[in-house]
C-alpha atoms as a PDB file:
ATOM      1  CA  UNK A   1     -28.338  -3.895 -31.240  1.00  0.00           C
ATOM      2  CA  UNK A   2     -27.394  -0.204 -29.729  1.00  0.00           C
ATOM      3  CA  UNK A   3     -24.354  -1.839 -27.395  1.00  0.00           C
ATOM      4  CA  UNK A   4     -24.035   1.200 -25.839  1.00  0.00           C
ATOM      5  CA  UNK A   5     -27.081   2.171 -24.398  1.00  0.00           C
ATOM      6  CA  UNK A   6     -27.147  -1.350 -22.963  1.00  0.00           C
ATOM      7  CA  UNK A   7     -23.947  -0.331 -21.453  1.00  0.00           C
ATOM      8  CA  UNK A   8     -25.040   2.855 -20.059  1.00  0.00           C
ATOM      9  CA  UNK A   9     -28.484   1.126 -18.843  1.00  0.00           C
ATOM     10  CA  UNK A  10     -26.124  -1.722 -17.109  1.00  0.00           C
ATOM     11  CA  UNK A  11     -23.631   0.925 -15.542  1.00  0.00           C
ATOM     12  CA  UNK A  12     -26.325   2.981 -13.852  1.00  0.00           C
ATOM     13  CA  UNK A  13     -28.729   0.323 -12.821  1.00  0.00           C
ATOM     14  CA  UNK A  14     -26.856  -2.949 -12.040  1.00  0.00           C
ATOM     15  CA  UNK A  15     -23.221  -1.601 -11.126  1.00  0.00           C
ATOM     16  CA  UNK A  16     -24.419   1.575  -9.807  1.00  0.00           C
ATOM     17  CA  UNK A  17     -21.819   4.033 -11.056  1.00  0.00           C
ATOM     18  CA  UNK A  18     -21.357   7.146  -9.746  1.00  0.00           C
ATOM     19  CA  UNK A  19     -22.539   9.874 -12.316  1.00  0.00           C
ATOM     20  CA  UNK A  20     -18.504  10.953 -12.879  1.00  0.00           C
ATOM     21  CA  UNK A  21     -17.465   7.581 -13.517  1.00  0.00           C
ATOM     22  CA  UNK A  22     -20.656   6.803 -15.922  1.00  0.00           C
ATOM     23  CA  UNK A  23     -19.798   9.642 -17.724  1.00  0.00           C
ATOM     24  CA  UNK A  24     -15.962   9.187 -18.233  1.00  0.00           C
ATOM     25  CA  UNK A  25     -16.379   5.418 -18.907  1.00  0.00           C
ATOM     26  CA  UNK A  26     -19.545   6.279 -21.738  1.00  0.00           C
ATOM     27  CA  UNK A  27     -17.052   8.982 -23.006  1.00  0.00           C
ATOM     28  CA  UNK A  28     -14.163   6.464 -23.248  1.00  0.00           C
ATOM     29  CA  UNK A  29     -16.199   3.773 -25.274  1.00  0.00           C
ATOM     30  CA  UNK A  30     -17.507   6.112 -27.977  1.00  0.00           C
ATOM     31  CA  UNK A  31     -14.103   7.359 -28.787  1.00  0.00           C
ATOM     32  CA  UNK A  32     -12.956   4.091 -28.907  1.00  0.00           C
ATOM     33  CA  UNK A  33     -16.026   3.465 -31.438  1.00  0.00           C
ATOM     34  CA  UNK A  34     -14.895   6.293 -33.552  1.00  0.00           C
ATOM     35  CA  UNK A  35     -11.871   4.712 -33.918  1.00  0.00           C
ATOM     36  CA  UNK A  36     -12.988   1.587 -34.991  1.00  0.00           C
ATOM     37  CA  UNK A  37     -15.429   2.918 -37.090  1.00  0.00           C
ATOM     38  CA  UNK A  38     -12.732   5.002 -39.245  1.00  0.00           C
ATOM     39  CA  UNK A  39     -11.209   1.814 -39.549  1.00  0.00           C
ATOM     40  CA  UNK A  40     -14.560   0.066 -40.969  1.00  0.00           C
ATOM     41  CA  UNK A  41     -14.783  -1.925 -37.617  1.00  0.00           C
ATOM     42  CA  UNK A  42     -17.496  -3.015 -35.489  1.00  0.00           C
ATOM     43  CA  UNK A  43     -17.156  -2.876 -31.600  1.00  0.00           C
ATOM     44  CA  UNK A  44     -17.912  -7.053 -31.295  1.00  0.00           C
ATOM     45  CA  UNK A  45     -14.760  -7.523 -33.537  1.00  0.00           C
ATOM     46  CA  UNK A  46     -12.420  -5.541 -31.413  1.00  0.00           C
ATOM     47  CA  UNK A  47      -9.021  -7.738 -30.706  1.00  0.00           C
ATOM     48  CA  UNK A  48      -6.440  -6.899 -28.194  1.00  0.00           C
ATOM     49  CA  UNK A  49      -4.187  -5.912 -31.261  1.00  0.00           C
ATOM     50  CA  UNK A  50      -6.844  -3.649 -31.297  1.00  0.00           C
ATOM     51  CA  UNK A  51      -6.630  -2.310 -27.775  1.00  0.00           C
ATOM     52  CA  UNK A  52      -2.730  -1.876 -28.183  1.00  0.00           C
ATOM     53  CA  UNK A  53      -3.031   0.181 -31.314  1.00  0.00           C
ATOM     54  CA  UNK A  54      -5.513   2.758 -29.685  1.00  0.00           C
ATOM     55  CA  UNK A  55      -3.291   3.259 -26.761  1.00  0.00           C
ATOM     56  CA  UNK A  56      -0.554   3.994 -28.629  1.00  0.00           C
ATOM     57  CA  UNK A  57      -2.627   6.166 -30.956  1.00  0.00           C
ATOM     58  CA  UNK A  58      -3.747   7.907 -27.614  1.00  0.00           C
ATOM     59  CA  UNK A  59      -0.250   8.461 -26.461  1.00  0.00           C
ATOM     60  CA  UNK A  60       0.703   9.749 -30.008  1.00  0.00           C
ATOM     61  CA  UNK A  61      -2.198  12.290 -29.869  1.00  0.00           C
ATOM     62  CA  UNK A  62      -0.823  13.965 -26.200  1.00  0.00           C
ATOM     63  CA  UNK A  63      -2.760  11.899 -24.049  1.00  0.00           C
ATOM     64  CA  UNK A  64      -1.550  11.269 -20.341  1.00  0.00           C
ATOM     65  CA  UNK A  65      -0.709   8.290 -18.791  1.00  0.00           C
ATOM     66  CA  UNK A  66      -3.420   8.395 -16.610  1.00  0.00           C
ATOM     67  CA  UNK A  67      -6.136   9.082 -19.812  1.00  0.00           C
ATOM     68  CA  UNK A  68      -4.619   5.740 -21.194  1.00  0.00           C
ATOM     69  CA  UNK A  69      -5.110   3.908 -18.415  1.00  0.00           C
ATOM     70  CA  UNK A  70      -9.045   4.963 -17.724  1.00  0.00           C
ATOM     71  CA  UNK A  71      -9.570   4.345 -21.357  1.00  0.00           C
ATOM     72  CA  UNK A  72      -8.446   1.049 -20.817  1.00  0.00           C
ATOM     73  CA  UNK A  73     -10.458   0.602 -17.969  1.00  0.00           C
ATOM     74  CA  UNK A  74     -13.292   1.852 -19.783  1.00  0.00           C
ATOM     75  CA  UNK A  75     -13.170  -0.899 -22.668  1.00  0.00           C
ATOM     76  CA  UNK A  76     -12.621  -3.942 -20.118  1.00  0.00           C
ATOM     77  CA  UNK A  77     -15.368  -2.684 -18.579  1.00  0.00           C
ATOM     78  CA  UNK A  78     -17.315  -2.348 -21.826  1.00  0.00           C
ATOM     79  CA  UNK A  79     -16.062  -5.484 -22.941  1.00  0.00           C
ATOM     80  CA  UNK A  80     -16.802  -7.213 -19.692  1.00  0.00           C
ATOM     81  CA  UNK A  81     -20.444  -6.381 -20.205  1.00  0.00           C
ATOM     82  CA  UNK A  82     -20.612  -7.765 -23.925  1.00  0.00           C
ATOM     83  CA  UNK A  83     -18.939 -10.924 -22.650  1.00  0.00           C
ATOM     84  CA  UNK A  84     -22.088 -11.216 -19.868  1.00  0.00           C
ATOM     85  CA  UNK A  85     -24.385 -11.190 -22.718  1.00  0.00           C
ATOM     86  CA  UNK A  86     -22.900 -13.568 -24.947  1.00  0.00           C
ATOM     87  CA  UNK A  87     -22.315 -10.574 -27.685  1.00  0.00           C
ATOM     88  CA  UNK A  88     -18.389 -11.167 -28.303  1.00  0.00           C
ATOM     89  CA  UNK A  89     -16.626 -14.287 -27.110  1.00  0.00           C
ATOM     90  CA  UNK A  90     -13.563 -12.518 -25.783  1.00  0.00           C
ATOM     91  CA  UNK A  91     -12.819  -9.435 -23.269  1.00  0.00           C
ATOM     92  CA  UNK A  92     -10.326  -8.064 -25.662  1.00  0.00           C
ATOM     93  CA  UNK A  93      -8.939  -5.145 -23.284  1.00  0.00           C
ATOM     94  CA  UNK A  94      -8.565  -8.092 -20.466  1.00  0.00           C
ATOM     95  CA  UNK A  95      -4.682  -8.383 -19.967  1.00  0.00           C
ATOM     96  CA  UNK A  96      -3.573  -5.698 -21.590  1.00  0.00           C
ATOM     97  CA  UNK A  97      -1.863  -3.373 -19.263  1.00  0.00           C
ATOM     98  CA  UNK A  98      -1.001   0.051 -20.298  1.00  0.00           C
ATOM     99  CA  UNK A  99       2.270   1.906 -18.839  1.00  0.00           C
ATOM    100  CA  UNK A 100       1.773   2.204 -15.193  1.00  0.00           C
ATOM    101  CA  UNK A 101       1.988   5.539 -13.793  1.00  0.00           C
ATOM    102  CA  UNK A 102       3.000   7.044 -10.489  1.00  0.00           C
ATOM    103  CA  UNK A 103      -0.064   7.558  -8.285  1.00  0.00           C
ATOM    104  CA  UNK A 104       0.316  11.577  -7.108  1.00  0.00           C
ATOM    105  CA  UNK A 105      -0.482  12.248  -3.466  1.00  0.00           C
ATOM    106  CA  UNK A 106      -3.965  14.049  -2.730  1.00  0.00           C
ATOM    107  CA  UNK A 107      -3.517  17.687  -2.133  1.00  0.00           C
ATOM    108  CA  UNK A 108      -4.683  18.685   1.204  1.00  0.00           C
ATOM    109  CA  UNK A 109      -5.350  21.807   3.192  1.00  0.00           C
ATOM    110  CA  UNK A 110      -3.545  22.319   6.667  1.00  0.00           C
ATOM    111  CA  UNK A 111      -6.004  22.513   9.998  1.00  0.00           C
ATOM    112  CA  UNK A 112      -5.569  26.047   9.789  1.00  0.00           C
ATOM    113  CA  UNK A 113      -6.612  26.775   6.351  1.00  0.00           C
ATOM    114  CA  UNK A 114      -9.661  24.565   6.494  1.00  0.00           C
ATOM    115  CA  UNK A 115     -10.047  26.764   9.774  1.00  0.00           C
ATOM    116  CA  UNK A 116      -9.870  29.929   7.744  1.00  0.00           C
ATOM    117  CA  UNK A 117     -12.030  28.746   4.849  1.00  0.00           C
ATOM    118  CA  UNK A 118     -14.947  27.573   7.070  1.00  0.00           C
ATOM    119  CA  UNK A 119     -14.968  31.105   8.807  1.00  0.00           C
ATOM    120  CA  UNK A 120     -15.581  32.726   5.672  1.00  0.00           C
ATOM    121  CA  UNK A 121     -19.812  32.420   5.567  1.00  0.00           C
ATOM    122  CA  UNK A 122     -21.503  34.681   7.523  1.00  0.00           C
ATOM    123  CA  UNK A 123     -24.263  32.921   9.383  1.00  0.00           C
ATOM    124  CA  UNK A 124     -26.008  36.347   9.687  1.00  0.00           C
ATOM    125  CA  UNK A 125     -27.833  36.414   6.379  1.00  0.00           C
ATOM    126  CA  UNK A 126     -29.651  33.292   4.782  1.00  0.00           C
ATOM    127  CA  UNK A 127     -27.380  32.489   1.950  1.00  0.00           C
ATOM    128  CA  UNK A 128     -24.345  32.594   4.570  1.00  0.00           C
ATOM    129  CA  UNK A 129     -26.009  30.338   7.390  1.00  0.00           C
ATOM    130  CA  UNK A 130     -26.891  27.863   4.664  1.00  0.00           C
ATOM    131  CA  UNK A 131     -23.253  28.066   2.908  1.00  0.00           C
ATOM    132  CA  UNK A 132     -21.685  27.625   6.274  1.00  0.00           C
ATOM    133  CA  UNK A 133     -23.849  24.394   7.101  1.00  0.00           C
ATOM    134  CA  UNK A 134     -22.777  22.501   3.898  1.00  0.00           C
ATOM    135  CA  UNK A 135     -19.233  23.696   4.009  1.00  0.00           C
ATOM    136  CA  UNK A 136     -18.986  22.395   8.211  1.00  0.00           C
ATOM    137  CA  UNK A 137     -20.957  18.680   6.961  1.00  0.00           C
ATOM    138  CA  UNK A 138     -18.657  18.131   3.939  1.00  0.00           C
ATOM    139  CA  UNK A 139     -15.402  18.712   6.088  1.00  0.00           C
ATOM    140  CA  UNK A 140     -17.154  16.889   9.008  1.00  0.00           C
ATOM    141  CA  UNK A 141     -18.007  13.792   6.964  1.00  0.00           C
ATOM    142  CA  UNK A 142     -16.073  13.515   4.190  1.00  0.00           C
ATOM    143  CA  UNK A 143     -18.536  12.475   1.914  1.00  0.00           C
ATOM    144  CA  UNK A 144     -18.379  13.441  -1.799  1.00  0.00           C
ATOM    145  CA  UNK A 145     -20.267  16.585  -3.307  1.00  0.00           C
ATOM    146  CA  UNK A 146     -22.701  14.164  -5.159  1.00  0.00           C
ATOM    147  CA  UNK A 147     -23.762  12.594  -1.845  1.00  0.00           C
ATOM    148  CA  UNK A 148     -23.634  16.024   0.178  1.00  0.00           C
ATOM    149  CA  UNK A 149     -26.512  17.628  -2.424  1.00  0.00           C
ATOM    150  CA  UNK A 150     -28.060  14.106  -2.719  1.00  0.00           C
ATOM    151  CA  UNK A 151     -29.094  14.230   1.164  1.00  0.00           C
ATOM    152  CA  UNK A 152     -32.669  14.592   1.899  1.00  0.00           C
ATOM    153  CA  UNK A 153     -34.081  16.201   5.475  1.00  0.00           C
ATOM    154  CA  UNK A 154     -34.812  12.777   6.845  1.00  0.00           C
ATOM    155  CA  UNK A 155     -30.998  11.813   6.306  1.00  0.00           C
ATOM    156  CA  UNK A 156     -30.178  14.053   9.355  1.00  0.00           C
ATOM    157  CA  UNK A 157     -30.351  13.305  13.040  1.00  0.00           C
ATOM    158  CA  UNK A 158     -29.408  16.086  14.767  1.00  0.00           C
ATOM    159  CA  UNK A 159     -30.417  14.777  18.530  1.00  0.00           C
ATOM    160  CA  UNK A 160     -28.001  12.221  17.459  1.00  0.00           C
ATOM    161  CA  UNK A 161     -25.383  13.811  15.674  1.00  0.00           C
ATOM    162  CA  UNK A 162     -24.906  11.821  12.648  1.00  0.00           C
ATOM    163  CA  UNK A 163     -26.108  11.807   9.027  1.00  0.00           C
ATOM    164  CA  UNK A 164     -27.314   8.760   6.355  1.00  0.00           C
ATOM    165  CA  UNK A 165     -25.499   9.122   3.393  1.00  0.00           C
ATOM    166  CA  UNK A 166     -26.182   6.481   0.602  1.00  0.00           C
ATOM    167  CA  UNK A 167     -22.898   6.359  -1.519  1.00  0.00           C
ATOM    168  CA  UNK A 168     -21.661   4.369  -4.720  1.00  0.00           C
ATOM    169  CA  UNK A 169     -22.628   1.074  -2.972  1.00  0.00           C
ATOM    170  CA  UNK A 170     -24.060   1.045   0.097  1.00  0.00           C
ATOM    171  CA  UNK A 171     -25.892   3.366   2.998  1.00  0.00           C
ATOM    172  CA  UNK A 172     -22.912   4.261   5.761  1.00  0.00           C
ATOM    173  CA  UNK A 173     -23.592   6.512   8.875  1.00  0.00           C
ATOM    174  CA  UNK A 174     -21.168   9.373  10.002  1.00  0.00           C
ATOM    175  CA  UNK A 175     -21.088  11.360  12.519  1.00  0.00           C
ATOM    176  CA  UNK A 176     -21.349  15.186  12.945  1.00  0.00           C
ATOM    177  CA  UNK A 177     -18.581  17.278  15.133  1.00  0.00           C
ATOM    178  CA  UNK A 178     -20.411  19.678  17.588  1.00  0.00           C
ATOM    179  CA  UNK A 179     -19.723  22.887  14.983  1.00  0.00           C
ATOM    180  CA  UNK A 180     -21.368  21.108  12.268  1.00  0.00           C
ATOM    181  CA  UNK A 181     -24.451  20.543  14.149  1.00  0.00           C
ATOM    182  CA  UNK A 182     -24.667  23.668  15.056  1.00  0.00           C
ATOM    183  CA  UNK A 183     -24.565  25.184  11.968  1.00  0.00           C
ATOM    184  CA  UNK A 184     -26.963  22.633  10.482  1.00  0.00           C
ATOM    185  CA  UNK A 185     -29.544  23.341  13.309  1.00  0.00           C
ATOM    186  CA  UNK A 186     -29.621  27.196  12.341  1.00  0.00           C
ATOM    187  CA  UNK A 187     -30.335  26.106   8.992  1.00  0.00           C
ATOM    188  CA  UNK A 188     -33.094  23.824   9.073  1.00  0.00           C
ATOM    189  CA  UNK A 189     -34.716  25.711  11.770  1.00  0.00           C
ATOM    190  CA  UNK A 190     -34.350  29.372  10.635  1.00  0.00           C
ATOM    191  CA  UNK A 191     -32.962  29.891   6.874  1.00  0.00           C
ATOM    192  CA  UNK A 192     -34.243  26.496   4.925  1.00  0.00           C
ATOM    193  CA  UNK A 193     -38.253  27.127   5.593  1.00  0.00           C
ATOM    194  CA  UNK A 194     -37.324  30.897   3.944  1.00  0.00           C
ATOM    195  CA  UNK A 195     -36.237  29.491   1.091  1.00  0.00           C
ATOM    196  CA  UNK A 196     -38.686  26.435  -0.181  1.00  0.00           C
ATOM    197  CA  UNK A 197     -40.792  27.459  -2.888  1.00  0.00           C
ATOM    198  CA  UNK A 198     -42.676  24.090  -2.388  1.00  0.00           C
ATOM    199  CA  UNK A 199     -42.974  22.573   1.099  1.00  0.00           C
ATOM    200  CA  UNK A 200     -42.750  19.411  -0.463  1.00  0.00           C
ATOM    201  CA  UNK A 201     -39.448  19.939  -0.998  1.00  0.00           C
ATOM    202  CA  UNK A 202     -37.296  16.860   0.628  1.00  0.00           C
ATOM    203  CA  UNK A 203     -33.674  18.207   0.144  1.00  0.00           C
ATOM    204  CA  UNK A 204     -31.725  18.935   2.749  1.00  0.00           C
ATOM    205  CA  UNK A 205     -29.682  21.680   0.926  1.00  0.00           C
ATOM    206  CA  UNK A 206     -31.918  24.104  -1.533  1.00  0.00           C
ATOM    207  CA  UNK A 207     -30.923  27.032  -3.242  1.00  0.00           C
ATOM    208  CA  UNK A 208     -31.910  30.329  -3.324  1.00  0.00           C
ATOM    209  CA  UNK A 209     -34.921  29.557  -5.332  1.00  0.00           C
ATOM    210  CA  UNK A 210     -35.708  27.018  -3.196  1.00  0.00           C
ATOM    211  CA  UNK A 211     -34.551  23.746  -4.972  1.00  0.00           C
ATOM    212  CA  UNK A 212     -32.041  20.903  -4.729  1.00  0.00           C
ATOM    213  CA  UNK A 213     -28.255  22.107  -4.871  1.00  0.00           C
ATOM    214  CA  UNK A 214     -26.865  21.849  -8.054  1.00  0.00           C
ATOM    215  CA  UNK A 215     -23.525  20.154  -8.124  1.00  0.00           C
ATOM    216  CA  UNK A 216     -22.084  23.527 -10.167  1.00  0.00           C
ATOM    217  CA  UNK A 217     -23.762  25.516  -7.719  1.00  0.00           C
ATOM    218  CA  UNK A 218     -22.164  24.289  -4.676  1.00  0.00           C
ATOM    219  CA  UNK A 219     -18.477  24.484  -6.524  1.00  0.00           C
ATOM    220  CA  UNK A 220     -19.193  28.084  -7.100  1.00  0.00           C
ATOM    221  CA  UNK A 221     -19.810  28.734  -3.713  1.00  0.00           C
ATOM    222  CA  UNK A 222     -16.367  26.666  -2.704  1.00  0.00           C
ATOM    223  CA  UNK A 223     -14.669  29.341  -5.256  1.00  0.00           C
ATOM    224  CA  UNK A 224     -16.403  32.009  -3.738  1.00  0.00           C
ATOM    225  CA  UNK A 225     -15.328  31.450  -0.623  1.00  0.00           C
ATOM    226  CA  UNK A 226     -11.755  30.545  -1.253  1.00  0.00           C
ATOM    227  CA  UNK A 227     -11.190  33.782  -2.903  1.00  0.00           C
ATOM    228  CA  UNK A 228     -12.475  35.309   0.049  1.00  0.00           C
ATOM    229  CA  UNK A 229     -10.066  33.532   2.963  1.00  0.00           C
ATOM    230  CA  UNK A 230      -7.530  34.860   0.108  1.00  0.00           C
ATOM    231  CA  UNK A 231      -6.009  30.767   0.111  1.00  0.00           C
ATOM    232  CA  UNK A 232      -3.884  30.642  -2.842  1.00  0.00           C
ATOM    233  CA  UNK A 233      -4.107  26.407  -2.662  1.00  0.00           C
ATOM    234  CA  UNK A 234      -7.149  25.416  -4.833  1.00  0.00           C
ATOM    235  CA  UNK A 235     -10.115  24.109  -2.906  1.00  0.00           C
ATOM    236  CA  UNK A 236     -12.689  22.089  -3.822  1.00  0.00           C
ATOM    237  CA  UNK A 237     -15.001  19.535  -2.607  1.00  0.00           C
ATOM    238  CA  UNK A 238     -12.808  16.490  -3.153  1.00  0.00           C
ATOM    239  CA  UNK A 239      -9.593  18.513  -1.551  1.00  0.00           C
ATOM    240  CA  UNK A 240     -11.992  18.846   1.536  1.00  0.00           C
ATOM    241  CA  UNK A 241     -12.817  15.077   1.172  1.00  0.00           C
ATOM    242  CA  UNK A 242      -9.108  14.425   1.356  1.00  0.00           C
ATOM    243  CA  UNK A 243      -8.029  16.831   4.356  1.00  0.00           C
ATOM    244  CA  UNK A 244     -10.923  15.051   6.357  1.00  0.00           C
ATOM    245  CA  UNK A 245      -9.450  11.976   6.039  1.00  0.00           C
ATOM    246  CA  UNK A 246      -5.897  13.161   6.310  1.00  0.00           C
ATOM    247  CA  UNK A 247      -6.785  14.815   9.565  1.00  0.00           C
ATOM    248  CA  UNK A 248      -8.680  12.146  11.046  1.00  0.00           C
ATOM    249  CA  UNK A 249      -5.619   9.900  10.279  1.00  0.00           C
ATOM    250  CA  UNK A 250      -3.173  12.453  12.223  1.00  0.00           C
ATOM    251  CA  UNK A 251      -4.928  13.163  15.263  1.00  0.00           C
ATOM    252  CA  UNK A 252      -5.162   8.946  15.580  1.00  0.00           C
ATOM    253  CA  UNK A 253      -8.042   7.329  13.890  1.00  0.00           C
ATOM    254  CA  UNK A 254      -7.922   4.469  12.466  1.00  0.00           C
ATOM    255  CA  UNK A 255      -7.722   3.568   8.957  1.00  0.00           C
ATOM    256  CA  UNK A 256     -10.898   1.206   8.910  1.00  0.00           C
ATOM    257  CA  UNK A 257     -13.013   3.749  10.701  1.00  0.00           C
ATOM    258  CA  UNK A 258     -11.919   6.390   7.987  1.00  0.00           C
ATOM    259  CA  UNK A 259     -12.352   3.546   4.873  1.00  0.00           C
ATOM    260  CA  UNK A 260     -16.088   3.163   6.545  1.00  0.00           C
ATOM    261  CA  UNK A 261     -16.860   6.814   6.594  1.00  0.00           C
ATOM    262  CA  UNK A 262     -15.520   7.686   3.366  1.00  0.00           C
ATOM    263  CA  UNK A 263     -17.350   4.553   1.800  1.00  0.00           C
ATOM    264  CA  UNK A 264     -14.155   2.877   0.335  1.00  0.00           C
ATOM    265  CA  UNK A 265     -15.099  -0.658  -0.689  1.00  0.00           C
ATOM    266  CA  UNK A 266     -11.452  -1.212  -0.558  1.00  0.00           C
ATOM    267  CA  UNK A 267      -8.866  -0.397   2.143  1.00  0.00           C
ATOM    268  CA  UNK A 268      -6.136   0.249  -0.315  1.00  0.00           C
ATOM    269  CA  UNK A 269      -8.198   3.427  -1.716  1.00  0.00           C
ATOM    270  CA  UNK A 270      -7.677   4.571   2.184  1.00  0.00           C
ATOM    271  CA  UNK A 271      -4.188   4.025   2.609  1.00  0.00           C
ATOM    272  CA  UNK A 272      -3.119   6.797   0.315  1.00  0.00           C
ATOM    273  CA  UNK A 273      -3.908   8.610   3.501  1.00  0.00           C
ATOM    274  CA  UNK A 274      -0.904   6.935   5.332  1.00  0.00           C
ATOM    275  CA  UNK A 275       1.664   7.972   2.713  1.00  0.00           C
ATOM    276  CA  UNK A 276       0.420  12.215   2.927  1.00  0.00           C
ATOM    277  CA  UNK A 277       0.652  11.881   6.803  1.00  0.00           C
ATOM    278  CA  UNK A 278       4.285   9.804   6.597  1.00  0.00           C
ATOM    279  CA  UNK A 279       5.242  12.600   3.656  1.00  0.00           C
ATOM    280  CA  UNK A 280       4.112  15.324   5.859  1.00  0.00           C
ATOM    281  CA  UNK A 281       6.272  13.987   9.089  1.00  0.00           C
ATOM    282  CA  UNK A 282       9.117  14.008   6.629  1.00  0.00           C
ATOM    283  CA  UNK A 283       8.827  17.319   5.676  1.00  0.00           C
ATOM    284  CA  UNK A 284       8.853  18.239   9.264  1.00  0.00           C
ATOM    285  CA  UNK A 285      11.539  16.427  10.273  1.00  0.00           C
ATOM    286  CA  UNK A 286      13.630  17.552   7.434  1.00  0.00           C
ATOM    287  CA  UNK A 287      13.014  21.310   8.338  1.00  0.00           C
ATOM    288  CA  UNK A 288      13.148  20.802  12.093  1.00  0.00           C
ATOM    289  CA  UNK A 289      16.004  18.377  12.794  1.00  0.00           C
ATOM    290  CA  UNK A 290      19.444  20.147  12.647  1.00  0.00           C
ATOM    291  CA  UNK A 291      21.348  17.563  10.935  1.00  0.00           C
ATOM    292  CA  UNK A 292      18.575  17.139   8.209  1.00  0.00           C
END
């Protein structure tokens, strides 16, 4: 039986795993499978000792603690699937905990850096108008880049000022600020109809060929305007997501509301932003207090 194909289907259809999770978990399990094959062992024969030795093997070959932790998480998930279909008697990765790693605080932009970045697209031409709308929506909502490019025209309600986003687990409604609404209105009314080749296209954001914007295409847009703005910090779609959350928290938004807007299943994922804000306050204190 092709366990990997079954696992991929289970991740995709049952667990509704995000594209990045699907890709990384499958890669991690394939690498473990190759390691097992080199020792003439089948995946279904793996023991906890095999998992422990594999983690040591990754460490000896220069893999970071973060990579090892993720690999073990992928194996727990994979063997959880095999256990569920009665292909193995136990989950050999369950109960094994590799070295704990310190979680780094996400990088964020300052409000001034965000303003400078969002000023770069020129809304006077079609490409600039579209880019302005995409970047404004991303910072206005904090949605993931995969969610941004998956948006359809019917997902946006401009008169009421919100969009409907289908994330990893469930649909959520996220409000838009006035600048994002204005940028979207201009794009939808004046530019998107010009770009479309197929009038049946449902994608909200399309490339210059009239087809749905790709993840890679949007990353290039972000990098282009980072260079144009002259901002030395790395800017990625996820850093804009982190900045959205941290700035909301700084300005008084409650953690539960931010969790709902980000689409986090567990509020512990959202609590990292309280550490960012606390660290920022500490930095300000150290710079400003005369006795610090």
